[in-house]
N, C-alpha and C. Protein backbone atom coordinates (compact mmCIF):
# COMPACT_ATOMS: atom_id res chain seq x y z
N UNK A 1 -115.27 -32.27 -50.18
CA UNK A 1 -113.94 -32.24 -50.72
C UNK A 1 -113.02 -33.00 -49.78
N UNK A 2 -112.11 -33.75 -50.34
CA UNK A 2 -111.08 -34.44 -49.55
C UNK A 2 -109.72 -33.96 -50.04
N UNK A 3 -108.93 -33.44 -49.10
CA UNK A 3 -107.57 -33.04 -49.42
C UNK A 3 -106.71 -34.28 -49.28
N UNK A 4 -106.12 -34.76 -50.37
CA UNK A 4 -105.36 -36.00 -50.36
C UNK A 4 -104.20 -35.96 -49.39
N UNK A 5 -103.38 -34.96 -49.45
CA UNK A 5 -102.30 -34.78 -48.49
C UNK A 5 -101.84 -33.34 -48.57
N UNK A 6 -101.39 -32.84 -47.43
CA UNK A 6 -100.89 -31.48 -47.38
C UNK A 6 -99.78 -31.42 -46.34
N UNK A 7 -98.96 -30.43 -46.44
CA UNK A 7 -97.88 -30.26 -45.49
C UNK A 7 -97.00 -29.10 -45.88
N UNK A 8 -95.93 -28.90 -45.11
CA UNK A 8 -94.98 -27.84 -45.38
C UNK A 8 -93.60 -28.37 -45.03
N UNK A 9 -92.63 -28.25 -45.92
CA UNK A 9 -91.30 -28.77 -45.61
C UNK A 9 -90.54 -27.88 -44.62
N UNK A 10 -89.74 -28.53 -43.79
CA UNK A 10 -88.98 -27.81 -42.78
C UNK A 10 -87.61 -27.34 -43.28
N UNK A 11 -87.22 -27.75 -44.46
CA UNK A 11 -85.93 -27.35 -45.03
C UNK A 11 -85.97 -27.52 -46.54
N UNK A 12 -85.00 -26.94 -47.20
CA UNK A 12 -84.90 -27.03 -48.65
C UNK A 12 -84.88 -25.65 -49.28
N UNK A 13 -84.76 -25.63 -50.58
CA UNK A 13 -84.72 -24.37 -51.32
C UNK A 13 -86.11 -23.75 -51.39
N UNK A 14 -86.19 -22.42 -51.38
CA UNK A 14 -87.49 -21.76 -51.56
C UNK A 14 -88.09 -22.12 -52.92
N UNK A 15 -89.42 -22.12 -52.95
CA UNK A 15 -90.16 -22.35 -54.19
C UNK A 15 -91.01 -21.11 -54.41
N UNK A 16 -90.47 -20.13 -55.09
CA UNK A 16 -91.15 -18.84 -55.21
C UNK A 16 -91.23 -18.18 -53.85
N UNK A 17 -92.43 -17.82 -53.44
CA UNK A 17 -92.60 -17.18 -52.13
C UNK A 17 -92.81 -18.19 -51.00
N UNK A 18 -92.84 -19.49 -51.33
CA UNK A 18 -92.97 -20.54 -50.31
C UNK A 18 -91.58 -20.84 -49.76
N UNK A 19 -91.37 -20.51 -48.49
CA UNK A 19 -90.06 -20.65 -47.86
C UNK A 19 -90.09 -21.81 -46.87
N UNK A 20 -89.37 -22.90 -47.16
CA UNK A 20 -89.31 -24.00 -46.21
C UNK A 20 -88.63 -23.57 -44.91
N UNK A 21 -89.06 -24.14 -43.82
CA UNK A 21 -88.46 -23.85 -42.52
C UNK A 21 -89.32 -24.41 -41.41
N UNK A 22 -88.71 -24.69 -40.28
CA UNK A 22 -89.45 -25.27 -39.15
C UNK A 22 -90.55 -24.32 -38.68
N UNK A 23 -90.26 -23.03 -38.56
CA UNK A 23 -91.28 -22.08 -38.10
C UNK A 23 -92.46 -22.04 -39.06
N UNK A 24 -92.20 -22.07 -40.36
CA UNK A 24 -93.30 -22.06 -41.34
C UNK A 24 -94.07 -23.37 -41.32
N UNK A 25 -93.35 -24.49 -41.13
CA UNK A 25 -94.03 -25.78 -41.02
C UNK A 25 -94.94 -25.81 -39.79
N UNK A 26 -94.46 -25.25 -38.68
CA UNK A 26 -95.25 -25.20 -37.45
C UNK A 26 -96.50 -24.34 -37.64
N UNK A 27 -96.34 -23.18 -38.25
CA UNK A 27 -97.49 -22.29 -38.50
C UNK A 27 -98.49 -22.96 -39.42
N UNK A 28 -98.03 -23.57 -40.50
CA UNK A 28 -98.92 -24.25 -41.44
C UNK A 28 -99.69 -25.37 -40.75
N UNK A 29 -98.97 -26.20 -39.98
CA UNK A 29 -99.60 -27.33 -39.29
C UNK A 29 -100.65 -26.85 -38.30
N UNK A 30 -100.34 -25.82 -37.55
CA UNK A 30 -101.29 -25.27 -36.58
C UNK A 30 -102.54 -24.76 -37.29
N UNK A 31 -102.36 -24.07 -38.41
CA UNK A 31 -103.52 -23.56 -39.16
C UNK A 31 -104.37 -24.69 -39.74
N UNK A 32 -103.73 -25.76 -40.20
CA UNK A 32 -104.50 -26.91 -40.69
C UNK A 32 -105.35 -27.47 -39.57
N UNK A 33 -104.74 -27.70 -38.39
CA UNK A 33 -105.49 -28.24 -37.25
C UNK A 33 -106.64 -27.31 -36.86
N UNK A 34 -106.38 -26.01 -36.85
CA UNK A 34 -107.40 -25.05 -36.44
C UNK A 34 -108.54 -24.93 -37.45
N UNK A 35 -108.31 -25.36 -38.67
CA UNK A 35 -109.32 -25.19 -39.72
C UNK A 35 -109.87 -26.50 -40.25
N UNK A 36 -109.70 -27.59 -39.51
CA UNK A 36 -110.18 -28.88 -40.01
C UNK A 36 -111.69 -28.88 -40.24
N UNK A 37 -112.41 -28.11 -39.45
CA UNK A 37 -113.87 -28.08 -39.65
C UNK A 37 -114.24 -27.40 -40.97
N UNK A 38 -113.35 -26.60 -41.51
CA UNK A 38 -113.59 -25.95 -42.81
C UNK A 38 -112.97 -26.74 -43.96
N UNK A 39 -111.89 -27.48 -43.67
CA UNK A 39 -111.16 -28.19 -44.72
C UNK A 39 -111.76 -29.54 -45.07
N UNK A 40 -112.42 -30.18 -44.10
CA UNK A 40 -112.91 -31.53 -44.32
C UNK A 40 -111.80 -32.53 -44.07
N UNK A 41 -111.95 -33.71 -44.63
CA UNK A 41 -110.96 -34.77 -44.43
C UNK A 41 -109.60 -34.32 -44.97
N UNK A 42 -108.59 -34.42 -44.12
CA UNK A 42 -107.26 -33.94 -44.48
C UNK A 42 -106.21 -34.93 -43.99
N UNK A 43 -105.20 -35.17 -44.80
CA UNK A 43 -104.10 -36.06 -44.47
C UNK A 43 -102.83 -35.23 -44.46
N UNK A 44 -102.21 -35.09 -43.26
CA UNK A 44 -100.95 -34.36 -43.18
C UNK A 44 -99.81 -35.26 -43.65
N UNK A 45 -98.95 -34.72 -44.47
CA UNK A 45 -97.82 -35.46 -45.02
C UNK A 45 -96.56 -34.83 -44.46
N UNK A 46 -95.83 -35.49 -43.79
CA UNK A 46 -95.73 -36.88 -43.44
C UNK A 46 -95.40 -36.95 -41.96
N UNK A 47 -95.52 -38.10 -41.34
CA UNK A 47 -95.19 -38.21 -39.91
C UNK A 47 -93.70 -37.97 -39.68
N UNK A 48 -92.85 -38.63 -40.46
CA UNK A 48 -91.40 -38.55 -40.24
C UNK A 48 -90.70 -38.10 -41.51
N UNK A 49 -89.59 -37.38 -41.35
CA UNK A 49 -88.75 -37.05 -42.49
C UNK A 49 -88.29 -38.33 -43.17
N UNK A 50 -88.10 -38.25 -44.47
CA UNK A 50 -87.68 -39.41 -45.26
C UNK A 50 -86.43 -39.04 -46.06
N UNK A 51 -85.24 -39.24 -45.46
CA UNK A 51 -83.99 -38.79 -46.09
C UNK A 51 -83.78 -39.29 -47.51
N UNK A 52 -84.30 -40.47 -47.84
CA UNK A 52 -84.12 -41.03 -49.17
C UNK A 52 -84.84 -40.24 -50.26
N UNK A 53 -85.70 -39.32 -49.88
CA UNK A 53 -86.42 -38.52 -50.88
C UNK A 53 -85.57 -37.36 -51.42
N UNK A 54 -84.31 -37.30 -51.00
CA UNK A 54 -83.42 -36.25 -51.51
C UNK A 54 -83.21 -36.38 -53.01
N UNK A 55 -83.53 -37.55 -53.57
CA UNK A 55 -83.40 -37.73 -55.03
C UNK A 55 -84.45 -36.92 -55.79
N UNK A 56 -85.53 -36.50 -55.10
CA UNK A 56 -86.59 -35.74 -55.76
C UNK A 56 -86.23 -34.27 -55.90
N UNK A 57 -85.88 -33.64 -54.78
CA UNK A 57 -85.56 -32.22 -54.75
C UNK A 57 -85.03 -31.88 -53.35
N UNK A 58 -84.68 -30.63 -53.12
CA UNK A 58 -84.06 -30.27 -51.84
C UNK A 58 -85.02 -30.32 -50.66
N UNK A 59 -86.31 -30.20 -50.89
CA UNK A 59 -87.26 -30.22 -49.77
C UNK A 59 -87.92 -31.59 -49.60
N UNK A 60 -87.73 -32.50 -50.54
CA UNK A 60 -88.33 -33.83 -50.49
C UNK A 60 -88.17 -34.58 -49.18
N UNK A 61 -86.98 -34.57 -48.56
CA UNK A 61 -86.79 -35.33 -47.32
C UNK A 61 -87.37 -34.68 -46.07
N UNK A 62 -87.90 -33.46 -46.18
CA UNK A 62 -88.17 -32.65 -44.99
C UNK A 62 -89.65 -32.37 -44.71
N UNK A 63 -90.54 -33.28 -45.06
CA UNK A 63 -91.97 -33.05 -44.87
C UNK A 63 -92.50 -33.56 -43.53
N UNK A 64 -91.70 -34.28 -42.78
CA UNK A 64 -92.17 -34.90 -41.54
C UNK A 64 -92.45 -33.92 -40.42
N UNK A 65 -93.39 -34.29 -39.56
CA UNK A 65 -93.62 -33.54 -38.33
C UNK A 65 -92.55 -33.88 -37.30
N UNK A 66 -91.94 -35.07 -37.48
CA UNK A 66 -90.82 -35.52 -36.65
C UNK A 66 -89.61 -35.72 -37.55
N UNK A 67 -88.41 -35.52 -36.99
CA UNK A 67 -87.18 -35.84 -37.72
C UNK A 67 -87.13 -37.35 -37.95
N UNK A 68 -86.26 -37.79 -38.84
CA UNK A 68 -86.16 -39.22 -39.15
C UNK A 68 -85.72 -40.04 -37.94
N UNK A 69 -85.10 -39.40 -36.93
CA UNK A 69 -84.69 -40.13 -35.72
C UNK A 69 -85.80 -40.16 -34.66
N UNK A 70 -86.97 -39.60 -34.98
CA UNK A 70 -88.12 -39.66 -34.08
C UNK A 70 -88.29 -38.47 -33.16
N UNK A 71 -87.38 -37.50 -33.21
CA UNK A 71 -87.53 -36.31 -32.37
C UNK A 71 -88.47 -35.32 -33.05
N UNK A 72 -89.35 -34.69 -32.27
CA UNK A 72 -90.29 -33.73 -32.87
C UNK A 72 -89.57 -32.47 -33.33
N UNK A 73 -90.04 -31.91 -34.42
CA UNK A 73 -89.47 -30.65 -34.91
C UNK A 73 -89.99 -29.46 -34.12
N UNK A 74 -91.20 -29.60 -33.62
CA UNK A 74 -91.82 -28.56 -32.81
C UNK A 74 -92.91 -29.21 -31.97
N UNK A 75 -93.34 -28.51 -30.96
CA UNK A 75 -94.36 -29.03 -30.07
C UNK A 75 -95.74 -28.68 -30.61
N UNK A 76 -96.61 -29.67 -30.64
CA UNK A 76 -98.00 -29.40 -30.99
C UNK A 76 -98.87 -30.44 -30.31
N UNK A 77 -100.12 -30.09 -30.14
CA UNK A 77 -101.09 -31.00 -29.56
C UNK A 77 -102.36 -30.88 -30.37
N UNK A 78 -102.78 -31.97 -30.96
CA UNK A 78 -104.01 -31.93 -31.74
C UNK A 78 -105.16 -31.48 -30.87
N UNK A 79 -105.21 -31.96 -29.63
CA UNK A 79 -106.29 -31.58 -28.72
C UNK A 79 -106.29 -30.07 -28.50
N UNK A 80 -105.13 -29.48 -28.22
CA UNK A 80 -105.07 -28.04 -27.98
C UNK A 80 -105.41 -27.25 -29.24
N UNK A 81 -104.94 -27.72 -30.39
CA UNK A 81 -105.20 -27.00 -31.63
C UNK A 81 -106.67 -27.05 -32.00
N UNK A 82 -107.38 -28.09 -31.59
CA UNK A 82 -108.79 -28.24 -31.95
C UNK A 82 -109.73 -27.65 -30.91
N UNK A 83 -109.20 -27.14 -29.81
CA UNK A 83 -110.07 -26.55 -28.78
C UNK A 83 -110.93 -25.45 -29.38
N UNK A 84 -112.13 -25.39 -28.95
CA UNK A 84 -113.03 -24.36 -29.40
C UNK A 84 -113.79 -24.70 -30.67
N UNK A 85 -113.44 -25.80 -31.31
CA UNK A 85 -114.20 -26.18 -32.51
C UNK A 85 -115.50 -26.82 -32.07
N UNK A 86 -116.55 -26.50 -32.76
CA UNK A 86 -117.85 -27.08 -32.49
C UNK A 86 -117.90 -28.47 -33.12
N UNK A 87 -118.15 -29.49 -32.32
CA UNK A 87 -118.17 -30.86 -32.86
C UNK A 87 -119.30 -31.06 -33.86
N UNK A 88 -120.23 -30.13 -33.92
CA UNK A 88 -121.33 -30.26 -34.87
C UNK A 88 -121.00 -29.62 -36.22
N UNK A 89 -119.84 -28.92 -36.30
CA UNK A 89 -119.45 -28.34 -37.57
C UNK A 89 -119.14 -29.44 -38.57
N UNK A 90 -119.44 -29.21 -39.84
CA UNK A 90 -119.16 -30.25 -40.84
C UNK A 90 -117.68 -30.45 -41.03
């Protein structure tokens, strides 16, 4: 299975029980990194916020791991998040 793209918005209106926010985006991102051996090929969306996506909905511009000015929304390290994974896992 290939997950085309996944992510969590850092701001915007709630969508049911899905609540956008930096803390939730950080938790989601950490869990994706920690479970890559179970998820398979995964593309995190998106590197940077895209303010022009406000035409879509309230959370459209807020999918980036970094703000549109290049500052990180939270600290993460792919190396640290992947520690303990067996490189032989599929």
